[in-house]
Protein backbone atom coordinates (compact mmCIF):
# COMPACT_ATOMS: atom_id res chain seq x y z
CA MET A 1 204.65 257.62 186.99
CA PHE A 2 202.03 259.94 185.46
CA LEU A 3 198.48 259.12 184.52
CA VAL A 4 195.53 261.28 183.58
CA ILE A 5 192.99 259.60 181.32
CA LEU A 6 189.88 261.74 180.95
CA ASP A 7 187.56 262.28 178.03
CA ILE A 8 186.98 265.94 177.34
CA TYR A 9 183.26 265.44 177.49
CA TYR A 10 183.76 266.40 181.11
CA SER A 11 185.54 269.11 183.00
CA VAL A 12 189.22 268.56 183.75
CA PRO A 13 190.05 269.05 187.45
CA GLY A 14 191.15 272.65 187.93
CA ASN A 15 194.87 273.22 188.30
CA SER A 16 196.11 276.73 187.74
CA CYS A 17 199.69 275.52 187.33
CA GLU A 18 199.09 272.73 184.84
CA LYS A 19 199.97 273.42 181.21
CA TYR A 20 198.72 271.59 178.14
CA LEU A 21 199.65 270.76 174.58
CA THR A 22 197.55 269.60 171.62
CA TYR A 23 197.52 269.51 167.81
CA LEU A 24 195.28 269.01 164.77
CA PRO A 25 195.33 265.57 163.05
CA HIS A 26 195.15 265.11 159.30
CA ASP A 27 195.33 262.53 156.49
CA GLY A 28 195.57 258.75 156.93
CA PHE A 29 196.28 256.44 159.85
CA ASN A 30 200.07 256.45 159.62
CA ASN A 31 200.36 260.21 159.13
CA GLN A 32 198.19 260.66 162.22
CA ARG A 33 200.31 258.12 164.10
CA ILE A 34 203.50 260.03 163.30
CA ALA A 35 201.90 263.25 164.51
CA LEU A 36 200.85 261.49 167.72
CA GLU A 37 204.38 260.19 168.31
CA ASN A 38 205.83 263.67 167.79
CA SER A 39 203.28 265.14 170.21
CA ILE A 40 204.22 262.58 172.87
CA PHE A 41 207.86 263.60 172.60
CA LEU A 42 206.98 267.30 172.79
CA ALA A 43 204.75 266.77 175.83
CA TRP A 44 207.58 264.93 177.56
CA PHE A 45 210.25 267.47 176.63
CA LEU A 46 208.11 270.51 177.48
CA ASN A 47 206.60 268.88 180.60
CA ARG A 48 203.02 269.53 179.50
CA THR A 49 199.88 267.40 179.68
CA LEU A 50 199.11 266.05 176.21
CA ILE A 51 195.56 266.39 174.90
CA ILE A 52 195.27 263.61 172.33
CA PRO A 53 192.79 264.22 169.51
CA PRO A 54 190.87 261.20 168.26
CA LEU A 55 192.08 259.14 165.34
CA VAL A 56 189.91 260.01 162.33
CA PHE A 57 189.18 257.29 159.77
CA PHE A 58 187.70 258.15 156.38
CA GLU A 59 186.12 255.64 154.00
CA GLY A 60 186.83 255.87 150.30
CA VAL A 61 187.77 259.32 149.04
CA LYS A 62 188.72 261.46 152.00
CA PRO A 63 188.75 265.25 151.94
CA HIS A 64 192.24 266.73 151.94
CA ILE A 65 192.83 268.18 155.39
CA SER A 66 196.55 268.93 155.08
CA ARG A 67 195.76 272.62 154.93
CA SER A 68 196.48 275.74 156.96
CA PHE A 69 195.88 275.84 160.70
CA ASN A 70 192.70 277.90 160.42
CA GLU A 71 191.28 275.88 157.52
CA ARG A 72 192.02 272.55 159.19
CA SER A 73 190.60 273.72 162.50
CA LYS A 74 187.42 274.97 160.82
CA PHE A 75 187.04 271.75 158.80
CA LEU A 76 187.46 269.48 161.83
CA SER A 77 185.12 271.50 164.05
CA GLN A 78 182.42 271.70 161.34
CA PHE A 79 182.34 268.10 160.19
CA ILE A 80 184.02 265.68 162.59
CA HIS A 81 181.91 264.64 165.57
CA PRO A 82 182.11 261.43 167.65
CA ASN A 83 178.38 260.69 167.47
CA LYS A 84 178.05 261.12 163.69
CA ASN A 85 179.51 259.24 160.74
CA GLN A 86 178.77 261.20 157.56
CA PHE A 87 178.92 264.69 156.11
CA LYS A 88 178.50 266.34 152.73
CA HIS A 89 181.75 267.70 151.35
CA CYS A 90 181.75 270.09 148.38
CA LYS A 91 184.53 271.76 146.47
CA SER A 92 184.11 275.22 145.03
CA ILE A 93 185.02 275.48 141.37
CA SER A 94 187.04 278.50 140.24
CA ARG A 95 187.07 279.61 136.62
CA CYS A 96 189.42 282.23 135.28
CA ASN A 97 189.49 284.47 132.22
CA ASN A 98 192.23 286.80 131.11
CA THR A 99 191.60 289.31 133.87
CA LEU A 100 190.05 287.64 136.90
CA CYS A 101 188.90 284.46 138.60
CA PHE A 102 185.46 283.85 140.05
CA GLN A 103 183.65 281.12 142.00
CA GLU A 104 180.91 279.17 140.27
CA GLY A 105 179.43 277.88 143.50
CA GLN A 106 179.78 274.49 145.16
CA LYS A 107 180.31 271.57 142.80
CA ASN A 108 181.47 267.98 142.99
CA CYS A 109 179.78 267.27 146.32
CA ILE A 110 180.32 263.85 147.89
CA ILE A 111 179.02 262.13 150.99
CA VAL A 112 181.99 261.28 153.19
CA THR A 113 181.75 258.43 155.69
CA TYR A 114 184.06 258.62 158.68
CA THR A 115 184.47 257.71 162.31
CA THR A 116 186.60 258.88 165.20
CA TYR A 117 188.40 256.31 167.33
CA ASN A 118 190.32 256.25 170.58
CA TRP A 119 194.03 255.53 170.00
CA GLU A 120 194.13 253.20 173.00
CA GLU A 121 191.77 250.84 171.19
CA LEU A 122 194.65 250.11 168.80
CA ILE A 123 198.01 251.07 170.28
CA ASP A 124 199.68 250.06 173.55
CA PHE A 125 199.89 253.14 175.79
CA ALA A 126 201.76 251.51 178.70
CA PHE A 127 204.92 253.52 178.00
CA LEU A 128 202.95 256.78 177.89
CA LYS A 129 201.36 256.10 181.24
CA GLU A 130 204.81 255.92 182.81
CA HIS A 131 206.22 259.09 181.28
CA ILE A 132 203.60 261.75 180.50
CA LYS A 133 200.17 262.95 181.58
CA TYR A 134 197.55 262.78 178.86
CA ILE A 135 193.88 263.41 178.18
CA HIS A 136 191.73 262.07 175.34
CA ARG A 137 189.86 264.70 173.37
CA GLN A 138 186.71 263.47 171.61
CA ASP A 139 185.78 266.36 169.35
CA PHE A 140 187.23 269.51 167.77
CA ASP A 141 185.10 272.19 169.41
CA PHE A 142 187.73 274.76 170.35
CA ASN A 143 185.52 276.73 172.73
CA TYR A 144 184.53 273.58 174.56
CA LEU A 145 188.18 272.60 174.79
CA LEU A 146 189.02 275.91 176.49
CA LYS A 147 186.06 275.55 178.85
CA SER A 148 187.11 271.99 179.77
CA LEU A 149 190.62 273.21 180.61
CA HIS A 150 189.30 276.16 182.64
CA ILE A 151 190.83 278.60 180.18
CA ASN A 152 188.66 281.69 180.27
CA ASN A 153 190.52 283.73 177.71
CA SER A 154 191.80 282.61 174.30
CA SER A 155 194.80 284.90 174.87
CA ASP A 156 196.10 282.15 177.17
CA VAL A 157 196.49 279.91 174.10
CA TYR A 158 199.56 279.93 171.88
CA ASN A 159 198.74 278.75 168.35
CA VAL A 160 202.15 277.58 167.21
CA THR A 161 201.67 277.12 163.49
CA LYS A 162 198.99 279.54 162.43
CA ASP A 163 200.25 279.48 158.88
CA LYS A 164 199.59 278.12 155.40
CA ASN A 165 202.57 275.80 155.19
CA GLN A 166 202.25 272.29 156.58
CA PHE A 167 206.04 272.17 156.97
CA GLN A 168 206.42 275.61 158.49
CA GLN A 169 208.32 274.81 161.68
CA ARG A 170 211.08 272.37 162.59
CA TYR A 171 211.80 271.79 166.27
CA TYR A 172 215.28 271.40 167.80
CA ASP A 173 216.04 269.99 171.24
CA ASP A 174 219.61 271.36 171.11
CA PRO A 175 219.84 275.15 170.57
CA THR A 176 223.41 274.73 169.29
CA SER A 177 222.38 272.29 166.55
CA THR A 178 223.71 273.01 163.06
CA ILE A 179 221.33 270.65 161.25
CA GLU A 180 219.59 272.47 158.41
CA LEU A 181 215.88 273.14 158.03
CA ARG A 182 215.61 271.12 154.80
CA LYS A 183 211.99 271.42 153.58
CA PHE A 184 210.89 273.37 156.66
CA LYS A 185 210.67 277.16 156.71
CA GLU A 186 211.33 278.14 160.30
CA ARG A 187 213.52 276.93 163.17
CA VAL A 188 212.10 276.70 166.70
CA ASN A 189 214.28 275.81 169.68
CA LEU A 190 212.27 273.73 172.13
CA ILE A 191 213.97 275.39 175.07
CA ASP A 192 212.49 278.70 173.92
CA LEU A 193 209.09 277.12 173.33
CA GLY A 194 209.25 275.68 176.84
CA LYS A 195 209.47 279.20 178.26
CA ARG A 196 206.08 280.13 176.84
CA PRO A 197 203.77 280.94 179.77
CA LYS A 198 200.51 280.17 177.92
CA LYS A 199 198.37 277.49 179.51
CA LEU A 200 197.75 275.74 176.18
CA ILE A 201 200.17 275.33 173.28
CA HIS A 202 198.12 274.42 170.22
CA PHE A 203 200.07 273.06 167.25
CA GLY A 204 198.73 272.77 163.73
CA SER A 205 200.36 269.88 161.86
CA LEU A 206 202.85 267.71 163.74
CA PHE A 207 203.21 265.28 160.86
CA SER A 208 206.63 264.39 159.41
CA SER A 209 209.27 261.98 160.64
CA ASN A 210 211.75 264.84 160.26
CA ARG A 211 209.71 267.39 162.22
CA ILE A 212 211.82 267.17 165.38
CA VAL A 213 215.62 267.18 165.50
CA ARG A 214 216.70 265.14 168.51
CA GLN A 215 220.39 265.35 169.42
CA LEU A 216 220.47 265.43 173.21
CA SER A 217 221.23 262.00 174.67
CA GLU A 218 218.15 261.97 176.91
CA SER A 219 215.94 262.89 173.95
CA ILE A 220 217.38 260.12 171.82
CA GLU A 221 216.94 257.59 174.63
CA PHE A 222 213.32 258.59 175.23
CA TRP A 223 212.49 258.56 171.52
CA ASN A 224 214.04 255.15 170.91
CA LYS A 225 212.07 253.68 173.81
CA LEU A 226 208.88 255.29 172.55
CA MET A 227 209.43 253.84 169.07
CA ARG A 228 209.83 250.35 170.52
CA ASN A 229 206.65 250.65 172.53
CA MET A 230 204.13 252.10 170.05
CA ILE A 231 202.88 248.65 169.16
CA PRO A 232 199.42 247.56 167.91
CA ASN A 233 197.62 245.82 170.77
CA ASN A 234 193.99 245.33 169.76
CA PRO A 235 193.23 241.71 170.80
CA ILE A 236 190.87 241.02 167.90
CA ILE A 237 193.39 242.25 165.31
CA ASN A 238 196.27 240.43 166.96
CA ASN A 239 194.31 237.17 167.07
CA ILE A 240 193.46 237.46 163.36
CA VAL A 241 197.09 238.21 162.52
CA ASP A 242 198.32 235.18 164.47
CA LYS A 243 195.90 232.89 162.62
CA ILE A 244 196.95 234.24 159.21
CA ILE A 245 200.62 233.75 160.05
CA ASP A 246 199.94 230.21 161.26
CA LYS A 247 198.26 229.42 157.92
CA ILE A 248 201.29 230.70 156.04
CA GLY A 249 203.56 228.53 158.18
CA GLY A 250 204.83 230.80 160.93
CA MET A 251 206.90 233.98 161.12
CA ASN A 252 210.10 232.32 159.94
CA SER A 253 208.49 230.83 156.85
CA PHE A 254 207.81 233.99 154.82
CA ILE A 255 209.03 237.46 153.97
CA GLY A 256 206.86 240.57 154.07
CA VAL A 257 206.61 242.89 151.07
CA HIS A 258 204.70 246.15 150.86
CA ALA A 259 203.96 247.76 147.50
CA ARG A 260 202.38 251.22 147.69
CA LEU A 261 200.94 251.77 144.21
CA LYS A 262 197.90 254.05 144.50
CA ASP A 263 197.57 257.82 144.80
CA GLY A 264 199.65 260.65 143.38
CA PHE A 265 203.37 260.17 143.77
CA PHE A 266 203.09 256.41 144.22
CA ALA A 267 200.80 255.85 141.24
CA LYS A 268 203.31 257.57 138.95
CA ARG A 269 206.13 255.20 139.92
CA GLN A 270 204.33 251.84 140.07
CA ASN A 271 206.76 250.11 137.73
CA ASN A 272 209.82 251.43 139.58
CA THR A 273 208.35 250.31 142.91
CA VAL A 274 207.63 246.76 141.77
CA GLN A 275 210.90 246.32 139.90
CA GLY A 276 212.82 247.72 142.86
CA LEU A 277 211.21 245.22 145.22
CA ILE A 278 211.99 242.32 142.89
CA LYS A 279 215.62 243.38 142.62
CA LYS A 280 216.04 243.73 146.39
CA ILE A 281 214.59 240.28 147.07
CA GLN A 282 216.66 238.63 144.34
CA THR A 283 219.80 240.27 145.70
CA ASP A 284 219.17 238.91 149.20
CA PHE A 285 218.19 235.39 148.12
CA LYS A 286 220.83 233.60 146.08
CA ASP A 287 220.79 230.48 143.90
CA GLY A 288 217.17 230.80 142.90
CA VAL A 289 215.88 230.27 146.44
CA CYS A 290 213.84 233.44 146.07
CA LEU A 291 211.71 231.83 143.39
CA THR A 292 210.09 229.53 145.94
CA THR A 293 210.22 231.86 148.95
CA LYS A 294 206.85 232.48 150.52
CA ILE A 295 205.86 236.14 150.29
CA TYR A 296 203.09 237.98 152.08
CA LEU A 297 202.27 241.00 149.95
CA ALA A 298 200.54 244.02 151.47
CA VAL A 299 199.27 246.13 148.59
CA ASP A 300 196.65 248.78 147.93
CA VAL A 301 195.48 247.37 144.58
CA LYS A 302 193.92 244.03 143.61
CA ARG A 303 196.28 241.11 143.01
CA ASP A 304 195.39 241.05 139.30
CA HIS A 305 196.46 244.69 138.82
CA LYS A 306 198.76 244.97 135.80
CA SER A 307 201.56 246.63 137.80
CA LEU A 308 201.88 243.46 139.94
CA ARG A 309 202.33 241.03 137.04
CA PRO A 310 206.16 241.06 137.15
CA LEU A 311 206.05 240.22 140.86
CA PHE A 312 203.72 237.24 140.39
CA GLN A 313 205.66 236.10 137.34
CA THR A 314 208.93 236.14 139.29
CA PHE A 315 207.82 234.50 142.53
CA SER A 316 205.68 231.39 142.73
CA CYS A 317 204.18 231.70 146.21
CA ILE A 318 202.61 235.06 147.06
CA TYR A 319 199.83 235.56 149.60
CA VAL A 320 197.64 238.66 149.93
CA LEU A 321 195.05 239.52 152.57
CA ASP A 322 192.16 238.45 150.33
CA ASP A 323 193.44 234.87 150.61
CA PHE A 324 192.39 234.86 154.27
CA ASN A 325 188.89 236.33 154.11
CA ASP A 326 187.50 233.56 156.31
CA LEU A 327 189.82 234.63 159.14
CA LEU A 328 188.67 238.25 158.96
CA GLU A 329 185.11 237.53 160.14
CA PRO A 330 185.71 238.61 163.79
CA LEU A 331 186.71 242.06 162.55
CA LYS A 332 183.25 242.44 161.02
CA LEU A 333 181.83 242.35 164.54
CA LEU A 334 184.19 244.94 166.02
CA LYS A 335 182.18 248.07 166.85
CA ASN A 336 183.28 251.56 167.71
CA PRO A 337 182.25 251.94 171.37
CA GLN A 338 181.37 255.61 170.70
CA ASN A 339 178.73 255.16 168.02
CA GLY A 340 178.38 251.42 167.32
CA MET A 341 179.85 251.75 163.83
CA ILE A 342 181.44 248.56 162.44
CA MET A 343 185.20 249.14 162.15
CA TYR A 344 185.99 246.46 159.56
CA LYS A 345 186.57 248.72 156.55
CA PHE A 346 188.71 251.12 158.57
CA LEU A 347 190.93 248.55 160.29
CA ILE A 348 191.62 246.15 157.41
CA PRO A 349 194.77 248.13 156.42
CA LEU A 350 196.13 247.76 159.95
CA VAL A 351 195.66 243.97 159.81
CA ASP A 352 197.56 243.99 156.51
CA LEU A 353 200.34 246.10 158.05
CA VAL A 354 200.82 243.92 161.12
CA VAL A 355 200.88 240.68 159.09
CA VAL A 356 203.45 241.99 156.61
CA SER A 357 205.62 243.27 159.45
CA LYS A 358 205.90 239.81 161.01
CA GLY A 359 207.88 238.08 158.26
CA ASN A 360 211.50 237.17 158.87
CA LYS A 361 212.45 239.97 156.46
CA PHE A 362 210.59 243.06 155.29
CA TYR A 363 210.78 244.95 151.99
CA GLY A 364 208.91 248.22 151.65
CA SER A 365 208.11 251.12 149.36
CA LYS A 366 210.20 254.26 149.46
CA SER A 367 208.59 257.28 151.19
CA SER A 368 205.59 255.25 152.41
CA THR A 369 204.59 255.83 156.03
CA PHE A 370 202.89 252.39 155.94
CA SER A 371 206.24 250.81 155.02
CA GLY A 372 208.05 252.89 157.63
CA TYR A 373 205.85 251.61 160.44
CA ALA A 374 205.91 248.02 159.16
CA ARG A 375 209.72 248.14 158.99
CA ARG A 376 209.96 249.40 162.55
CA LEU A 377 207.59 246.71 163.82
CA ASN A 378 209.51 244.07 161.88
CA GLU A 379 212.71 245.07 163.68
CA ILE A 380 210.87 244.72 167.00
CA TRP A 381 209.34 241.33 166.18
CA ILE A 382 212.56 239.72 164.91
CA ARG A 383 215.10 241.18 167.35
């Protein structure tokens, strides 16, 4: 129905009537995916052409970019470029006495390795091509973006969330909705946003599965179809996944389990996560069958990590991705077409996610966006 696929290295064909929508990505793959999905819905609802920012992968310790609109925009424009893969990131250290705080200069500098990637290299966009117009953006140069869209004055841009709160605005498709804001600070009715005459609506963060309240029947129908169609489609990854599943014995021969154990909130509740998973599996599998059930475990720590001992002590047959290193070799040859960078270290988590989602049952970690996506895919695979 609609199709515009242009890289914003080039000028977009002039159209004085066309209106656009974009946003700033942040954090890991699944947080960026959720923001993308929300932006697709908004572009459809508001009838605007979606400018899709690149997916940004960081290796190792990534800088925290869940910050205010201005800070995130400045960070992305300064450091993230499609033809580069490293930058020096430093944190300023503040020290305080009884009366005031002062900066001691830049400390704790690290070299950050990253790459930008086109979403269509990983996710099937067939549904998008039928329902919205979209353009791929390759960098975060705001002035170049305006020039590419033939916007001669920044006053023709509406920066939606120019604030310091990542969860500032919640969007409602139904202006009569009585659903509360919850953790969000401000209500925005999409009908009102749709009346904005600005040529470009520029969002800050669009992350959060609860960002948009969809109650109109046509919204719910569109969203449900979108969720069923945002499927990984990279042929190299899919081929590797199929071979791993064949080695395990096929989709019906194992269950998928995801344990999120690293970082902040998840690191503090490792024991609860593992014990909760054990209890759920034991509840579903009676008469000791669970003891011999094949499990594929997607996990962000090594298999000998102490938090996993109860899981391995309870179940006798657990596979992890490291058991299939020989099948991962093709991924070591997959290059980013933009800069030739090998994508292996960035895409390994996606291989893990797709494998774990293809079991005949899936058990995940509470509040994990990795688990949320794997659960959704699992429902698609086994329906």
